[in-house]
Amino acid sequence: METLIIFLIVIGAAALIAIIAFIIHRLMHPKLKDEKKDEADFAQEELDRVLVPIDDKKTAEEISNYRDKEDEK
């Protein structure tokens, strides 16, 4: 009977530690708003992450006016 009491105390202590850890985790990491995003939003975020904006106006204008030979065919 004594071993059962010790076992229950150990299980209770472990459960108490787990509950405290869960509460601390929830307080430190509050849920963000669940926004529904479509494929276009995911694609735009990925492009923004990969592509670097061009600061030089002359270079940006040249890139926007660029025509590939294959595009004109």
Protein backbone atom coordinates (compact mmCIF):
# COMPACT_ATOMS: atom_id res chain seq x y z
CA MET A 1 0.00 0.00 0.00
CA GLU A 2 2.88 2.34 0.76
CA THR A 3 4.34 1.90 -2.75
CA LEU A 4 0.97 2.78 -4.29
CA ILE A 5 0.86 6.06 -2.35
CA ILE A 6 4.42 6.92 -3.43
CA PHE A 7 3.52 6.05 -7.03
CA LEU A 8 0.43 8.31 -6.93
CA ILE A 9 2.48 11.16 -5.43
CA VAL A 10 5.06 10.85 -8.23
CA ILE A 11 2.32 10.75 -10.90
CA GLY A 12 0.59 13.75 -9.28
CA ALA A 13 3.83 15.74 -9.19
CA ALA A 14 4.50 14.94 -12.85
CA ALA A 15 0.95 15.98 -13.76
CA LEU A 16 1.32 19.23 -11.80
CA ILE A 17 4.58 20.04 -13.58
CA ALA A 18 2.96 19.27 -16.95
CA ILE A 19 -0.01 21.53 -16.21
CA ILE A 20 2.24 24.39 -15.09
CA ALA A 21 4.42 23.97 -18.21
CA PHE A 22 1.32 23.99 -20.42
CA ILE A 23 0.00 27.17 -18.79
CA ILE A 24 3.36 28.92 -19.16
CA HIS A 25 3.56 27.84 -22.81
CA ARG A 26 0.06 29.20 -23.53
CA LEU A 27 0.90 32.51 -21.87
CA MET A 28 4.19 32.88 -23.74
CA HIS A 29 2.76 31.87 -27.17
CA PRO A 30 -0.72 33.32 -27.62
CA LYS A 31 -2.56 32.16 -30.71
CA LEU A 32 -2.40 34.43 -33.69
CA LYS A 33 -5.43 35.25 -35.75
CA ASP A 34 -6.29 32.44 -38.11
CA GLU A 35 -6.50 34.20 -41.44
CA LYS A 36 -7.65 32.19 -44.40
CA LYS A 37 -5.15 32.73 -47.22
CA ASP A 38 -5.49 31.64 -50.78
CA GLU A 39 -2.83 30.52 -53.23
CA ALA A 40 -2.27 34.06 -54.52
CA ASP A 41 -1.39 35.30 -51.02
CA PHE A 42 1.04 32.43 -50.47
CA ALA A 43 2.65 33.06 -53.85
CA GLN A 44 3.00 36.80 -53.18
CA GLU A 45 4.58 36.18 -49.76
CA GLU A 46 7.06 33.75 -51.31
CA LEU A 47 7.95 36.21 -54.08
CA ASP A 48 8.40 39.02 -51.55
CA ARG A 49 10.69 36.78 -49.53
CA VAL A 50 12.85 35.77 -52.51
CA LEU A 51 12.92 38.87 -54.73
CA VAL A 52 14.92 41.94 -53.78
CA PRO A 53 13.39 45.35 -54.53
CA ILE A 54 15.36 47.57 -56.89
CA ASP A 55 16.26 50.94 -55.37
CA ASP A 56 17.88 52.49 -58.44
CA LYS A 57 15.18 54.16 -60.59
CA LYS A 58 17.16 53.87 -63.82
CA THR A 59 17.73 50.14 -63.38
CA ALA A 60 14.09 49.58 -62.41
CA GLU A 61 12.94 51.44 -65.53
CA GLU A 62 15.27 49.42 -67.76
CA ILE A 63 13.99 46.16 -66.30
CA SER A 64 10.35 47.17 -66.74
CA ASN A 65 10.99 48.18 -70.37
CA TYR A 66 12.97 45.03 -71.19
CA ARG A 67 11.57 42.91 -74.03
CA ASP A 68 12.85 39.43 -74.72
CA LYS A 69 13.26 38.29 -78.33
CA GLU A 70 11.10 35.24 -77.60
CA ASP A 71 8.28 37.42 -76.23
CA GLU A 72 7.92 39.24 -79.56
CA LYS A 73 7.51 36.04 -81.61
